[in-house]
Amino acid sequence: MLILLGFIPKSLNCLEAYKQFNKHYNKLFDKQKQDIFCENYLGFQSIRSECPRCIITDIYDLDFNTLRGLTPLQYEVQSKTTTCQQTYCYAPDPLPRLSEIPKSIDLRELGLVTLSKNQLQCGSCWAFGTIALLENAVLRDQKKINQQEFKKNAGTLDLSEQFTLSNTFGFSNYCEGGDTVTALNYQVDNKNIWPTIETTQNFPYDQVKYKEKHSKNESFDPKLEKSQYLLPYKLYQRTNMQNLVGTPQTPVINLMNVNQEVEIEKVQMYLARGIAVIGSIFIDPKSKMSQILASYTGKYVIQGYSCNGTGNHQILIVGYGKFKGVDVWIVKNSWGAQWGNQGHMYIERGNNQLCIEKYAYAIIPKYYDENEGVFTSSYMTPYTLKRGSSGLDDENQKSWQYYAQAGTISILVIGSIIGIIVSIIIIKQKMKARKSLYSVQQFIN
């Protein structure tokens, strides 16, 4: 039997495919999700010729149109009453340039990135991006933080997206969209609601249960003891002060130039310091891009998708380097750890693929020494990555080239052997035919 994706036969109808999908991903039957799966399964058939490496991932029972949620803001101050919920408020980069940066950095390898979580049927990528950024800041400071509640490693730290979703108002609109930059500025401007980050243990993710509470402008009170309160970032004077209402400080650092283009080298310097960068990508809802991304295996580079819009999906950039010979960004997504490369994707770097180089901001960890250089430590990591295969290319052995060359050689050798066998068979058949003809002629004569 020809197997599609390792567990679903190529010719299977969607109802049977849904049963195997549930069995493979250990999910329970749900009629609504079955209908969504069947629609996505039909879409999968339409992209197979265009994307032969696409697979049916564990998010195929979700509406792909809800797997975004970043709402773009204006960059310019519009009036004398503009707030940081109406425009991007930020500070300039305060860190000195590094004289040299590594050829590659993967913060997952260094224990500075938690496992990817799943936003589910909710446009809350902005909240997940915010938490991913804050978790990186906590992990970067893990040896300096005093609060026992947050003295965790990348395998045990779990900050609450629900607390962020429920306690952020202003520009952010729960499952209908938001932005990490405005969310962080909202925290600073509303310390009565945001005295601290919170844990998932105290506030588990349940976007459906708490939606009505948010619509009534009701927020959560922290459950942590006050001695454990923490906002894990430094504050700086914001630059665009004129005509802005609100506090003059912000944790947000701008990593773009005056033309609102990402300064790639500056982003790399932050990553080299062990500091992740919040970013965005554009997923065109009118194209097949949603389907293709939802079907991503993590085994190849996403490339060939130029920037045709404004970012509408929040992501976290956690590394750079080469993957299978291509310059890439390592991007943490919010579609779960089973999607892609352990919840991540490799996007080509330097060509603004999916508009990834049109938006980049960072926060500086609370206890970070601004004179520190390249991050050289490493902590416990929950990731199982191997350079040259699932991870970035091995800079020394260039194993991706070795395997590619070995594969090519194997194909050539096998092809040669097959060719020799076919030639022998043909020669034998010709000799047999000649012998038969000779026998017939002998009989006639």
Protein backbone atom coordinates (compact mmCIF):
# COMPACT_ATOMS: atom_id res chain seq x y z
CA MET A 1 0.00 0.00 0.00
CA LEU A 2 1.27 3.48 -0.87
CA ILE A 3 1.32 5.40 2.39
CA LEU A 4 0.72 9.15 2.62
CA LEU A 5 2.44 10.84 5.57
CA GLY A 6 3.34 7.53 7.14
CA PHE A 7 -0.14 6.73 8.40
CA ILE A 8 -2.86 7.81 5.95
CA PRO A 9 -3.29 5.89 2.69
CA LYS A 10 -3.22 8.04 -0.41
CA SER A 11 -6.72 7.16 -1.61
CA LEU A 12 -8.50 7.24 1.79
CA ASN A 13 -11.67 9.33 2.12
CA CYS A 14 -11.67 12.10 4.72
CA LEU A 15 -13.82 10.29 7.30
CA GLU A 16 -11.51 7.28 7.42
CA ALA A 17 -8.52 9.61 7.26
CA TYR A 18 -9.85 11.50 10.29
CA LYS A 19 -10.05 8.25 12.25
CA GLN A 20 -6.42 7.47 11.45
CA PHE A 21 -5.47 11.09 12.21
CA ASN A 22 -6.99 10.80 15.69
CA LYS A 23 -5.31 7.46 16.27
CA HIS A 24 -1.92 8.72 15.12
CA TYR A 25 -2.02 11.91 17.21
CA ASN A 26 -3.91 10.34 20.14
CA LYS A 27 -6.96 12.60 19.82
CA LEU A 28 -10.65 12.05 20.56
CA PHE A 29 -13.48 12.21 18.04
CA ASP A 30 -15.21 15.57 17.67
CA LYS A 31 -17.83 16.21 14.99
CA GLN A 32 -16.93 19.87 14.54
CA LYS A 33 -13.24 19.07 14.31
CA GLN A 34 -14.00 16.26 11.86
CA ASP A 35 -15.69 18.78 9.56
CA ILE A 36 -12.70 21.10 9.82
CA PHE A 37 -10.31 18.22 9.19
CA CYS A 38 -12.22 17.15 6.07
CA GLU A 39 -12.04 20.68 4.68
CA ASN A 40 -8.31 20.85 5.38
CA TYR A 41 -7.82 17.33 4.00
CA LEU A 42 -9.45 18.44 0.74
CA GLY A 43 -7.12 21.44 0.67
CA PHE A 44 -4.17 19.15 1.23
CA GLN A 45 -4.98 17.23 -1.93
CA SER A 46 -4.87 20.52 -3.88
CA ILE A 47 -1.32 21.42 -2.74
CA ARG A 48 0.33 18.01 -3.10
CA SER A 49 1.76 18.70 -6.55
CA GLU A 50 2.99 22.14 -5.46
CA CYS A 51 4.33 20.93 -2.10
CA PRO A 52 5.31 17.24 -2.29
CA ARG A 53 7.09 17.49 1.07
CA CYS A 54 3.98 18.72 2.91
CA ILE A 55 2.36 16.38 5.43
CA ILE A 56 -0.80 16.20 7.52
CA THR A 57 0.29 17.66 10.86
CA ASP A 58 -1.50 17.50 14.20
CA ILE A 59 -3.16 20.91 13.64
CA TYR A 60 -5.27 19.66 10.72
CA ASP A 61 -8.37 19.71 12.94
CA LEU A 62 -8.04 23.49 13.43
CA ASP A 63 -9.26 26.28 11.18
CA PHE A 64 -6.05 27.55 9.58
CA ASN A 65 -7.53 31.05 9.31
CA THR A 66 -7.47 31.34 13.12
CA LEU A 67 -3.80 30.41 13.39
CA ARG A 68 -2.71 34.00 13.04
CA GLY A 69 -3.75 37.00 15.13
CA LEU A 70 -1.18 39.79 14.73
CA THR A 71 -2.94 43.05 13.93
CA PRO A 72 -0.70 45.72 12.34
CA LEU A 73 -0.38 49.16 13.94
CA GLN A 74 0.46 52.60 12.60
CA TYR A 75 4.09 53.66 12.93
CA GLU A 76 3.32 57.37 12.95
CA VAL A 77 1.77 59.37 15.80
CA GLN A 78 -1.64 60.51 14.54
CA SER A 79 -2.74 63.13 17.11
CA LYS A 80 -1.89 64.83 20.39
CA THR A 81 -3.80 62.16 22.29
CA THR A 82 -2.09 59.14 20.74
CA THR A 83 -1.16 56.38 23.20
CA CYS A 84 1.19 53.41 22.99
CA GLN A 85 -1.89 51.34 22.15
CA GLN A 86 -2.28 53.24 18.89
CA THR A 87 1.29 53.43 17.66
CA TYR A 88 4.58 51.58 18.13
CA CYS A 89 6.39 52.91 21.21
CA TYR A 90 10.00 51.83 21.60
CA ALA A 91 13.52 52.81 22.62
CA PRO A 92 16.65 52.80 20.44
CA ASP A 93 19.13 49.97 20.77
CA PRO A 94 21.24 50.70 23.91
CA LEU A 95 23.72 47.85 23.46
CA PRO A 96 27.20 48.34 21.96
CA ARG A 97 28.04 46.63 18.69
CA LEU A 98 29.81 43.30 18.90
CA SER A 99 33.14 43.19 17.09
CA GLU A 100 32.43 39.66 15.93
CA ILE A 101 29.49 37.26 15.96
CA PRO A 102 29.35 33.46 15.54
CA LYS A 103 28.52 31.94 12.16
CA SER A 104 25.46 30.38 13.72
CA ILE A 105 23.40 30.53 16.90
CA ASP A 106 20.54 28.28 17.98
CA LEU A 107 19.10 29.38 21.33
CA ARG A 108 17.32 26.02 21.61
CA GLU A 109 20.71 24.31 21.90
CA LEU A 110 21.74 26.71 24.69
CA GLY A 111 18.71 26.11 26.91
CA LEU A 112 17.27 29.58 26.31
CA VAL A 113 14.01 28.57 24.61
CA THR A 114 11.04 26.67 26.05
CA LEU A 115 9.06 24.15 24.02
CA SER A 116 6.56 25.53 21.54
CA LYS A 117 2.95 25.72 22.76
CA ASN A 118 -0.31 25.66 20.79
CA GLN A 119 -2.59 28.70 20.45
CA LEU A 120 -5.41 26.42 19.23
CA GLN A 121 -8.58 27.91 17.71
CA CYS A 122 -7.76 31.49 18.70
CA GLY A 123 -5.97 34.44 17.09
CA SER A 124 -3.65 34.70 20.09
CA CYS A 125 -0.26 34.38 18.41
CA TRP A 126 0.56 37.82 19.84
CA ALA A 127 0.11 36.50 23.42
CA PHE A 128 2.16 33.37 22.70
CA GLY A 129 4.88 35.48 21.08
CA THR A 130 4.91 37.79 24.10
CA ILE A 131 5.24 34.88 26.52
CA ALA A 132 7.94 33.20 24.39
CA LEU A 133 9.91 36.46 24.53
CA LEU A 134 9.44 36.81 28.30
CA GLU A 135 10.40 33.18 28.88
CA ASN A 136 13.64 33.75 27.00
CA ALA A 137 14.38 36.77 29.21
CA VAL A 138 13.80 34.72 32.37
CA LEU A 139 16.00 31.88 31.10
CA ARG A 140 18.75 34.32 30.11
CA ASP A 141 18.74 35.60 33.71
CA GLN A 142 18.17 32.23 35.40
CA LYS A 143 21.37 32.42 37.48
CA LYS A 144 20.59 35.95 38.69
CA ILE A 145 16.87 35.78 39.45
CA ASN A 146 15.99 35.62 43.16
CA GLN A 147 12.34 34.58 42.87
CA GLN A 148 12.22 30.81 43.38
CA GLU A 149 9.05 30.57 41.31
CA PHE A 150 11.05 31.50 38.22
CA LYS A 151 14.38 29.80 38.92
CA LYS A 152 13.59 27.20 36.27
CA ASN A 153 15.22 25.78 33.17
CA ALA A 154 13.86 25.58 29.63
CA GLY A 155 12.19 22.27 30.39
CA THR A 156 10.33 23.44 33.50
CA LEU A 157 9.64 27.15 32.99
CA ASP A 158 6.06 27.71 31.82
CA LEU A 159 4.66 31.24 31.86
CA SER A 160 0.95 31.83 31.37
CA GLU A 161 -0.39 32.88 27.98
CA GLN A 162 -3.89 33.00 29.49
CA PHE A 163 -2.85 35.60 32.07
CA THR A 164 -1.40 37.67 29.23
CA LEU A 165 -4.48 37.18 27.05
CA SER A 166 -6.92 38.06 29.84
CA ASN A 167 -4.99 40.95 31.38
CA THR A 168 -4.10 42.83 28.20
CA PHE A 169 -6.60 45.33 26.84
CA GLY A 170 -6.11 48.50 24.81
CA PHE A 171 -5.11 47.54 21.27
CA SER A 172 -5.07 43.80 22.01
CA ASN A 173 -8.41 42.11 21.45
CA TYR A 174 -8.16 38.63 22.97
CA CYS A 175 -8.61 35.98 20.22
CA GLU A 176 -9.32 38.64 17.61
CA GLY A 177 -5.73 39.84 17.41
CA GLY A 178 -3.09 41.96 19.07
CA ASP A 179 0.62 42.78 19.03
CA THR A 180 3.53 42.00 21.35
CA VAL A 181 4.82 45.59 21.26
CA THR A 182 1.51 47.06 22.44
CA ALA A 183 1.09 44.24 24.97
CA LEU A 184 4.46 45.00 26.57
CA ASN A 185 3.71 48.73 26.64
CA TYR A 186 0.32 47.98 28.18
CA GLN A 187 2.09 46.16 31.01
CA VAL A 188 4.22 49.21 31.77
CA ASP A 189 1.28 51.64 31.57
CA ASN A 190 -0.99 49.47 33.77
CA LYS A 191 1.03 48.25 36.72
CA ASN A 192 -2.10 47.73 38.80
CA ILE A 193 -3.11 44.94 36.38
CA TRP A 194 0.44 43.93 35.53
CA PRO A 195 2.59 43.81 38.67
CA THR A 196 4.10 40.51 37.53
CA ILE A 197 4.20 37.72 34.99
CA GLU A 198 2.35 34.55 36.00
CA THR A 199 2.67 30.78 35.61
CA THR A 200 0.57 28.36 33.57
CA GLN A 201 0.06 26.30 36.71
CA ASN A 202 -1.84 29.25 38.20
CA PHE A 203 -3.58 30.24 34.96
CA PRO A 204 -3.87 27.38 32.43
CA TYR A 205 -4.70 28.21 28.84
CA ASP A 206 -8.45 28.08 28.20
CA GLN A 207 -9.27 30.72 25.63
CA VAL A 208 -12.95 29.72 25.35
CA LYS A 209 -13.70 29.69 29.08
CA TYR A 210 -12.37 33.19 29.77
CA LYS A 211 -13.46 34.99 26.61
CA GLU A 212 -16.60 36.48 28.18
CA LYS A 213 -14.62 37.66 31.21
CA HIS A 214 -12.32 39.62 28.92
CA SER A 215 -15.26 41.09 26.98
CA LYS A 216 -16.47 42.58 30.29
CA ASN A 217 -13.04 44.19 30.84
CA GLU A 218 -12.44 41.93 33.82
CA SER A 219 -8.86 40.86 34.55
CA PHE A 220 -7.18 38.30 36.79
CA ASP A 221 -5.45 39.11 40.05
CA PRO A 222 -2.06 37.39 40.37
CA LYS A 223 -1.94 34.25 42.50
CA LEU A 224 1.80 34.46 43.20
CA GLU A 225 3.05 35.71 46.52
CA LYS A 226 4.16 39.33 46.21
CA SER A 227 7.70 38.27 47.08
CA GLN A 228 7.71 36.29 43.80
CA TYR A 229 6.54 39.12 41.54
CA LEU A 230 8.71 39.66 38.48
CA LEU A 231 8.67 41.67 35.27
CA PRO A 232 11.79 40.29 33.59
CA TYR A 233 12.96 43.26 31.52
CA LYS A 234 14.75 46.59 31.72
CA LEU A 235 12.97 49.87 30.98
CA TYR A 236 14.29 52.65 28.74
CA GLN A 237 13.20 56.11 27.70
CA ARG A 238 11.12 55.83 24.57
CA THR A 239 12.12 57.88 21.55
CA ASN A 240 8.82 58.96 20.00
CA MET A 241 7.77 61.12 22.98
CA GLN A 242 6.03 64.00 21.20
CA ASN A 243 2.22 64.00 21.44
CA LEU A 244 2.21 60.62 23.20
CA VAL A 245 0.10 59.99 26.28
CA GLY A 246 1.31 57.54 28.94
CA THR A 247 4.50 56.62 30.77
CA PRO A 248 7.74 57.76 29.11
CA GLN A 249 9.38 54.36 29.58
CA THR A 250 9.19 51.17 27.53
CA PRO A 251 10.83 47.73 27.57
CA VAL A 252 10.66 47.51 23.76
CA ILE A 253 13.89 47.93 21.77
CA ASN A 254 13.61 48.77 18.08
CA LEU A 255 15.86 46.72 15.75
CA MET A 256 14.81 48.41 12.50
CA ASN A 257 16.16 51.33 10.50
CA VAL A 258 14.38 54.56 9.55
CA ASN A 259 12.78 52.81 6.57
CA GLN A 260 11.19 50.23 8.89
CA GLU A 261 13.43 47.48 7.55
CA VAL A 262 15.03 44.97 9.89
CA GLU A 263 18.74 45.49 10.54
CA ILE A 264 19.76 41.88 10.04
CA GLU A 265 23.19 42.20 11.63
CA LYS A 266 21.70 43.87 14.71
CA VAL A 267 19.21 41.01 15.11
CA GLN A 268 22.08 38.54 14.82
CA MET A 269 23.98 40.41 17.55
CA TYR A 270 21.05 40.11 19.93
CA LEU A 271 20.74 36.40 19.20
CA ALA A 272 24.49 36.00 19.72
CA ARG A 273 24.00 37.53 23.18
CA GLY A 274 21.36 34.90 23.95
CA ILE A 275 18.46 37.34 23.52
CA ALA A 276 15.54 36.28 21.32
CA VAL A 277 13.83 38.72 18.95
CA ILE A 278 10.09 39.10 18.44
CA GLY A 279 9.11 39.15 14.78
CA SER A 280 6.23 38.62 12.41
CA ILE A 281 5.46 36.95 9.10
CA PHE A 282 2.75 37.48 6.51
CA ILE A 283 0.53 34.50 5.70
CA ASP A 284 -1.60 35.41 2.70
CA PRO A 285 -5.16 34.19 3.47
CA LYS A 286 -6.02 34.35 -0.24
CA SER A 287 -3.23 31.97 -1.25
CA LYS A 288 -2.36 28.37 -0.40
CA MET A 289 0.26 29.59 2.07
CA SER A 290 -1.86 28.83 5.15
CA GLN A 291 -2.27 25.22 4.00
CA ILE A 292 1.40 24.85 3.08
CA LEU A 293 2.66 26.25 6.39
CA ALA A 294 0.19 24.14 8.36
CA SER A 295 1.64 21.11 6.53
CA TYR A 296 5.30 21.98 7.18
CA THR A 297 7.56 19.11 8.28
CA GLY A 298 10.56 21.11 9.52
CA LYS A 299 12.88 19.17 7.21
CA TYR A 300 13.40 21.85 4.58
CA VAL A 301 13.83 25.61 4.23
CA ILE A 302 10.81 27.82 3.60
CA GLN A 303 11.79 29.95 0.61
CA GLY A 304 10.29 31.36 -2.57
CA TYR A 305 7.57 33.37 -0.80
CA SER A 306 8.18 37.08 -1.32
CA CYS A 307 6.67 39.80 0.87
CA ASN A 308 3.22 40.69 -0.44
CA GLY A 309 1.59 42.22 2.61
CA THR A 310 2.01 43.27 6.24
CA GLY A 311 2.85 40.83 9.01
CA ASN A 312 -0.22 39.09 10.42
CA HIS A 313 1.33 36.29 12.49
CA GLN A 314 3.56 36.84 15.53
CA ILE A 315 6.64 34.63 15.83
CA LEU A 316 9.92 34.55 17.78
CA ILE A 317 13.32 34.48 16.09
CA VAL A 318 15.61 32.21 18.12
CA GLY A 319 18.62 31.67 15.88
CA TYR A 320 20.38 31.97 12.57
CA GLY A 321 22.85 29.97 10.50
CA LYS A 322 22.71 27.56 7.58
CA PHE A 323 20.26 24.73 7.11
CA LYS A 324 20.99 22.39 4.20
CA GLY A 325 23.28 25.02 2.75
CA VAL A 326 20.78 27.90 2.92
CA ASP A 327 21.10 30.99 5.15
CA VAL A 328 18.14 30.82 7.55
CA TRP A 329 16.37 32.26 10.54
CA ILE A 330 15.22 29.75 13.17
CA VAL A 331 11.65 30.72 14.01
CA LYS A 332 9.60 29.58 17.00
CA ASN A 333 5.92 29.21 16.17
CA SER A 334 2.81 28.78 18.34
CA TRP A 335 1.26 25.73 16.66
CA GLY A 336 2.55 23.13 19.11
CA ALA A 337 5.73 21.09 19.51
CA GLN A 338 4.61 18.37 17.06
CA TRP A 339 4.40 20.82 14.18
CA GLY A 340 7.45 21.58 12.03
CA ASN A 341 10.91 21.18 13.52
CA GLN A 342 9.89 20.62 17.15
CA GLY A 343 7.57 23.61 16.85
CA HIS A 344 9.98 25.67 14.75
CA MET A 345 10.61 26.49 11.11
CA TYR A 346 13.63 27.42 9.02
CA ILE A 347 12.96 30.52 6.90
CA GLU A 348 15.45 31.76 4.32
CA ARG A 349 17.40 34.74 5.65
CA GLY A 350 18.24 37.89 3.71
CA ASN A 351 15.40 37.93 1.16
CA ASN A 352 12.50 39.06 3.36
CA GLN A 353 10.67 35.76 2.93
CA LEU A 354 7.07 36.01 4.21
CA CYS A 355 7.90 39.63 5.21
CA ILE A 356 10.00 38.35 8.14
CA GLU A 357 12.50 41.20 7.73
CA LYS A 358 9.94 43.99 8.15
CA TYR A 359 9.42 43.75 11.93
CA ALA A 360 11.91 43.11 14.76
CA TYR A 361 11.91 44.16 18.40
CA ALA A 362 13.53 42.86 21.57
CA ILE A 363 13.50 43.25 25.33
CA ILE A 364 16.65 43.25 27.42
CA PRO A 365 16.55 40.86 30.41
CA LYS A 366 16.23 42.60 33.76
CA TYR A 367 19.62 41.55 35.13
CA TYR A 368 21.53 41.59 31.86
CA ASP A 369 24.95 43.28 31.89
CA GLU A 370 24.94 45.57 28.85
CA ASN A 371 28.68 45.11 28.43
CA GLU A 372 28.41 41.35 28.05
CA GLY A 373 29.47 39.93 24.72
CA VAL A 374 28.56 36.70 22.99
CA PHE A 375 26.68 34.23 25.20
CA THR A 376 29.01 31.29 25.84
CA SER A 377 27.16 29.33 28.54
CA SER A 378 24.62 26.58 28.03
CA TYR A 379 21.80 25.30 30.19
CA MET A 380 19.50 22.29 30.24
CA THR A 381 17.42 22.07 27.06
CA PRO A 382 14.27 20.04 26.31
CA TYR A 383 15.16 19.89 22.61
CA THR A 384 16.66 16.89 20.83
CA LEU A 385 18.59 18.50 18.01
CA LYS A 386 21.49 17.21 15.98
CA ARG A 387 23.58 19.47 13.82
CA GLY A 388 23.65 18.25 10.26
CA SER A 389 20.19 16.67 10.43
CA SER A 390 17.34 18.17 12.48
CA GLY A 391 19.47 21.10 13.63
CA LEU A 392 21.55 23.64 11.76
CA ASP A 393 24.31 22.46 9.45
CA ASP A 394 27.47 21.20 11.10
CA GLU A 395 29.91 24.04 10.47
CA ASN A 396 32.94 21.76 10.57
CA GLN A 397 31.88 18.60 8.78
CA LYS A 398 29.18 20.10 6.55
CA SER A 399 27.35 16.82 6.96
CA TRP A 400 24.40 18.02 4.88
CA GLN A 401 26.78 18.12 1.90
CA TYR A 402 28.23 14.74 2.82
CA TYR A 403 24.82 13.12 2.97
CA ALA A 404 23.73 14.85 -0.24
CA GLN A 405 26.87 13.66 -2.02
CA ALA A 406 26.55 10.19 -0.52
CA GLY A 407 22.95 10.05 -1.66
CA THR A 408 23.91 11.14 -5.15
CA ILE A 409 26.70 8.55 -5.31
CA SER A 410 24.33 5.84 -4.06
CA ILE A 411 21.78 6.72 -6.73
CA LEU A 412 24.48 6.64 -9.43
CA VAL A 413 25.80 3.28 -8.22
CA ILE A 414 22.33 1.76 -8.03
CA GLY A 415 21.51 3.20 -11.45
CA SER A 416 24.68 1.70 -12.91
CA ILE A 417 23.93 -1.73 -11.42
CA ILE A 418 20.37 -1.64 -12.76
CA GLY A 419 21.71 -0.59 -16.16
CA ILE A 420 24.17 -3.51 -16.23
CA ILE A 421 21.45 -6.00 -15.22
CA VAL A 422 19.07 -4.68 -17.89
CA SER A 423 21.85 -4.88 -20.51
CA ILE A 424 22.61 -8.51 -19.57
CA ILE A 425 18.92 -9.43 -19.82
CA ILE A 426 18.62 -7.76 -23.24
CA ILE A 427 21.76 -9.51 -24.53
CA LYS A 428 20.50 -12.89 -23.29
CA GLN A 429 17.12 -12.32 -24.92
CA LYS A 430 18.77 -11.39 -28.23
CA MET A 431 21.00 -14.49 -28.10
CA LYS A 432 17.99 -16.66 -27.34
CA ALA A 433 16.06 -15.11 -30.22
CA ARG A 434 18.95 -15.72 -32.63
CA LYS A 435 19.27 -19.31 -31.46
CA SER A 436 15.54 -19.89 -31.98
CA LEU A 437 15.69 -18.36 -35.46
CA TYR A 438 18.65 -20.59 -36.34
CA SER A 439 16.71 -23.67 -35.13
CA VAL A 440 13.66 -22.70 -37.22
CA GLN A 441 15.81 -22.20 -40.32
CA GLN A 442 17.44 -25.60 -39.75
CA PHE A 443 13.99 -27.22 -39.49
CA ILE A 444 12.71 -25.55 -42.72
CA ASN A 445 15.76 -26.56 -44.67
